[in-house]
Each structure stands twice: as C-alpha cells, then as structure tokens.
Amino acid sequence: MEKHKLWRAIFVAGWSAFAVSAIGTYASAQTALQTRAFVCGKSNGVPATIAQTNRGDVAVIRWTSDRFRDAGYSPERRCIEVSARFQQYFRNQKLNYLTTGMMNNQQVVCVADREGGNCSGLLFTLKGGSDPTQVLNSLLAVRVRASGPLNESTSRVYIDMSEYLEQAAVESEPNSQSDSPVW
C-alpha cells in the first residue's frame, strides 16, 4: 500500500513538472513574438507590410518596386495581398522563418517551419533573374542591427521572424492604416 502511494506521488509530481515546463515554454514563445497583426499600411510614404507589435509598428517590407505593375500587381496590391498572407501564416502559427525557394518553377520568398526547412507557404514571387538571397537580405536585413537574425544554411538565408520582430526598428510615426488586420 505504501509503495502504491509513493509511485502515485512520483507520477503526479512528474506530470506536474512537465505541465509547468510546457506552459512556460508556450508562454515564452508567445511573449517573444508579441505581435498582434500584420497589415498593409504606409512607411516612409510607401505601401508597407507592417507588423503591429507590443513595441510598436515594424515595417517588414516596403513595397517600392513597380516590376510587377504590368502583370496587374502595383506596390499597393502586392502590399495588401502579401500582408494578408503574413497574417494568415501568423494566425496559423506557421510564420517561423522566411527563406527563398522555388514554387511552380518560379523563385519565391516563402515561410519555412524550421531553419533549413523547405518552403511550406508562399509569401510572394520574385521577378525572373533576381538573386533571391540578395532580395531577402535587402528587404529585411537593413532594418536590423548587424547581429540580426539572418542565418545562412546551405546557401539559403533563413530569417527567424521572432528574432527579427524583437530586433527590428519600430516606426517613428504610427502606421496610417487602421488597426484591423488584413484577411
């Protein structure tokens, strides 16, 4: 009888420790990102995909290129569509890493579940002849201090979005878009 009580106490203590550890890990992951939504707004007067964080608005991508206008994708339209994808991946907890890859025989910027992982969702297509690594670096790296979250793995760059949003500069002026997420 005593042995049974001892094993039961050990079992309960073990499960309690596991539950506390799991809750702590989940809470720290949620706190690290502290993002409320991704929206299309304005940054420096141009359309921008904005992460609305507890620290303030972070311009993730400024849409300045007209390279896709002939295909019907103005910077404003790309901003709206890509911001909606960011929001969808964020809401579904799939916005872990940004990287580049190939989808439908086109170079793309995409999301990956883990560093070194394959594309698991499209963010946007790159113009033919673009250097995907250079595009990703220039889109994001300039807004993070030198020790930023850029990780190169097998010649592909992986950007840890949680680290990026913690380190990226906050917009000095509030986003001109409403606080409503795009979806």
Protein backbone atom coordinates (compact mmCIF):
# COMPACT_ATOMS: atom_id res chain seq x y z
CA MET A 1 0.00 0.00 0.00
CA GLU A 2 2.82 2.43 0.92
CA LYS A 3 4.64 1.56 -2.30
CA HIS A 4 1.49 2.39 -4.31
CA LYS A 5 1.20 5.83 -2.65
CA LEU A 6 4.87 6.54 -3.30
CA TRP A 7 4.59 5.68 -7.01
CA ARG A 8 1.42 7.75 -7.29
CA ALA A 9 3.14 10.76 -5.69
CA ILE A 10 6.12 10.40 -8.05
CA PHE A 11 3.78 10.13 -11.04
CA VAL A 12 1.77 13.23 -10.03
CA ALA A 13 4.95 15.22 -9.34
CA GLY A 14 6.41 14.21 -12.71
CA TRP A 15 3.31 15.22 -14.65
CA SER A 16 3.06 18.49 -12.72
CA ALA A 17 6.66 19.37 -13.58
CA PHE A 18 6.02 18.52 -17.23
CA ALA A 19 2.87 20.68 -17.36
CA VAL A 20 4.59 23.67 -15.76
CA SER A 21 7.51 23.32 -18.18
CA ALA A 22 5.22 23.07 -21.22
CA ILE A 23 3.16 26.09 -20.15
CA GLY A 24 6.34 28.10 -19.53
CA THR A 25 7.74 27.20 -22.95
CA TYR A 26 4.48 28.13 -24.69
CA ALA A 27 4.22 31.42 -22.78
CA SER A 28 7.80 32.41 -23.60
CA ALA A 29 7.27 31.66 -27.30
CA GLN A 30 4.14 33.80 -27.33
CA THR A 31 5.83 36.60 -25.39
CA ALA A 32 8.88 36.58 -27.66
CA LEU A 33 6.86 37.48 -30.72
CA GLN A 34 4.33 39.83 -29.09
CA THR A 35 2.73 40.56 -32.45
CA ARG A 36 -0.94 41.42 -32.73
CA ALA A 37 -1.39 41.54 -36.50
CA PHE A 38 0.14 42.11 -39.92
CA VAL A 39 -1.46 44.85 -42.03
CA CYS A 40 -0.78 46.81 -45.19
CA GLY A 41 -0.01 50.39 -44.22
CA LYS A 42 2.47 53.13 -45.07
CA SER A 43 6.11 53.52 -44.09
CA ASN A 44 8.13 56.50 -45.31
CA GLY A 45 5.20 57.31 -47.60
CA VAL A 46 5.16 53.98 -49.45
CA PRO A 47 2.99 50.87 -49.06
CA ALA A 48 4.45 48.55 -46.44
CA THR A 49 3.69 45.26 -44.76
CA ILE A 50 3.54 46.29 -41.10
CA ALA A 51 3.81 44.02 -38.06
CA GLN A 52 1.84 45.55 -35.22
CA THR A 53 3.80 44.54 -32.12
CA ASN A 54 3.62 45.48 -28.47
CA ARG A 55 6.79 47.54 -29.03
CA GLY A 56 5.12 49.46 -31.89
CA ASP A 57 4.75 49.11 -35.66
CA VAL A 58 7.58 47.36 -37.53
CA ALA A 59 7.85 47.79 -41.31
CA VAL A 60 8.65 44.29 -42.51
CA ILE A 61 8.63 45.04 -46.27
CA ARG A 62 8.42 48.39 -48.04
CA TRP A 63 6.82 47.89 -51.46
CA THR A 64 8.68 50.29 -53.77
CA SER A 65 9.19 48.24 -56.93
CA ASP A 66 6.95 48.62 -59.99
CA ARG A 67 8.40 45.47 -61.59
CA PHE A 68 5.07 43.62 -61.44
CA ARG A 69 2.78 46.52 -62.39
CA ASP A 70 2.41 45.25 -65.99
CA ALA A 71 1.07 41.97 -64.58
CA GLY A 72 -1.54 43.89 -62.58
CA TYR A 73 0.38 43.99 -59.29
CA SER A 74 1.04 47.55 -58.18
CA PRO A 75 3.02 48.05 -54.97
CA GLU A 76 -0.29 48.71 -53.20
CA ARG A 77 -1.85 45.47 -54.44
CA ARG A 78 1.24 43.43 -53.55
CA CYS A 79 1.23 45.02 -50.11
CA ILE A 80 -2.40 44.08 -49.50
CA GLU A 81 -2.04 40.52 -50.77
CA VAL A 82 1.28 39.73 -49.11
CA SER A 83 0.26 41.34 -45.81
CA ALA A 84 -2.82 39.08 -45.81
CA ARG A 85 -0.53 36.06 -46.31
CA PHE A 86 1.71 37.17 -43.43
CA GLN A 87 -1.41 37.49 -41.26
CA GLN A 88 -2.71 34.07 -42.30
CA TYR A 89 0.62 32.33 -41.57
CA PHE A 90 0.91 34.22 -38.28
CA ARG A 91 -2.63 33.29 -37.23
CA ASN A 92 -1.94 29.63 -38.11
CA GLN A 93 1.41 29.71 -36.24
CA LYS A 94 3.34 29.00 -39.47
CA LEU A 95 5.35 32.24 -39.57
CA ASN A 96 8.56 30.81 -38.11
CA TYR A 97 11.22 31.50 -40.75
CA LEU A 98 11.37 33.44 -44.01
CA THR A 99 13.50 31.97 -46.76
CA THR A 100 13.61 31.64 -50.52
CA GLY A 101 12.88 28.72 -52.77
CA MET A 102 11.18 27.51 -55.91
CA MET A 103 7.44 27.02 -56.29
CA ASN A 104 5.78 26.30 -59.64
CA ASN A 105 9.17 26.81 -61.33
CA GLN A 106 9.41 30.38 -60.01
CA GLN A 107 11.70 31.91 -57.41
CA VAL A 108 9.77 32.92 -54.31
CA VAL A 109 10.07 34.29 -50.81
CA CYS A 110 8.28 31.83 -48.56
CA VAL A 111 7.79 30.63 -45.00
CA ALA A 112 9.52 27.57 -43.55
CA ASP A 113 8.68 25.66 -40.39
CA ARG A 114 12.31 25.45 -39.29
CA GLU A 115 15.77 26.67 -40.18
CA GLY A 116 17.00 24.52 -43.07
CA GLY A 117 13.44 23.52 -43.95
CA ASN A 118 11.71 23.72 -47.31
CA CYS A 119 9.11 26.29 -48.29
CA SER A 120 5.82 25.49 -46.62
CA GLY A 121 3.89 28.54 -47.85
CA LEU A 122 4.22 31.27 -50.48
CA LEU A 123 4.64 34.90 -49.48
CA PHE A 124 5.49 36.39 -52.87
CA THR A 125 7.05 35.63 -56.24
CA LEU A 126 10.31 37.21 -57.38
CA LYS A 127 10.91 38.69 -60.81
CA GLY A 128 12.87 36.34 -63.10
CA GLY A 129 16.61 36.90 -62.92
CA SER A 130 16.50 38.18 -59.33
CA ASP A 131 19.02 36.90 -56.79
CA PRO A 132 16.68 35.52 -54.09
CA THR A 133 19.26 35.73 -51.31
CA GLN A 134 20.08 39.33 -52.16
CA VAL A 135 16.38 40.24 -52.32
CA LEU A 136 15.65 38.71 -48.92
CA ASN A 137 18.73 40.32 -47.35
CA SER A 138 17.91 43.74 -48.74
CA LEU A 139 14.22 43.52 -47.79
CA LEU A 140 14.85 42.74 -44.15
CA ALA A 141 18.48 42.96 -43.03
CA VAL A 142 18.85 46.70 -43.34
CA ARG A 143 16.25 47.19 -40.62
CA VAL A 144 18.02 45.02 -38.04
CA ARG A 145 21.27 45.73 -36.23
CA ALA A 146 24.35 43.95 -37.59
CA SER A 147 23.97 40.90 -35.36
CA GLY A 148 20.45 40.35 -36.70
CA PRO A 149 18.61 37.09 -37.18
CA LEU A 150 19.96 36.23 -40.62
CA ASN A 151 21.08 32.60 -40.76
CA GLU A 152 22.67 31.13 -43.85
CA SER A 153 22.19 27.42 -44.27
CA THR A 154 23.27 25.55 -47.39
CA SER A 155 23.45 28.79 -49.39
CA ARG A 156 19.89 29.78 -48.41
CA VAL A 157 19.15 32.54 -45.95
CA TYR A 158 16.69 31.86 -43.13
CA ILE A 159 15.26 34.75 -41.13
CA ASP A 160 13.90 33.88 -37.71
CA MET A 161 10.78 36.05 -37.61
CA SER A 162 10.52 36.07 -33.83
CA GLU A 163 14.09 37.41 -33.51
CA TYR A 164 13.57 39.80 -36.40
CA LEU A 165 10.48 41.39 -34.85
CA GLU A 166 12.25 41.70 -31.49
CA GLN A 167 15.26 43.48 -33.04
CA ALA A 168 13.84 45.46 -35.96
CA ALA A 169 13.43 49.21 -35.64
CA VAL A 170 9.99 50.45 -34.65
CA GLU A 171 8.36 53.04 -36.91
CA SER A 172 8.71 56.56 -35.54
CA GLU A 173 5.29 57.56 -36.90
CA PRO A 174 2.23 55.39 -36.36
CA ASN A 175 1.02 53.26 -39.25
CA SER A 176 -1.56 55.15 -41.31
CA GLN A 177 -3.64 52.00 -41.82
CA SER A 178 -6.36 51.06 -39.35
CA ASP A 179 -5.53 48.59 -36.62
CA SER A 180 -7.67 45.99 -38.36
CA PRO A 181 -5.69 43.08 -39.77
CA VAL A 182 -5.96 42.31 -43.47
CA TRP A 183 -7.68 38.98 -44.13
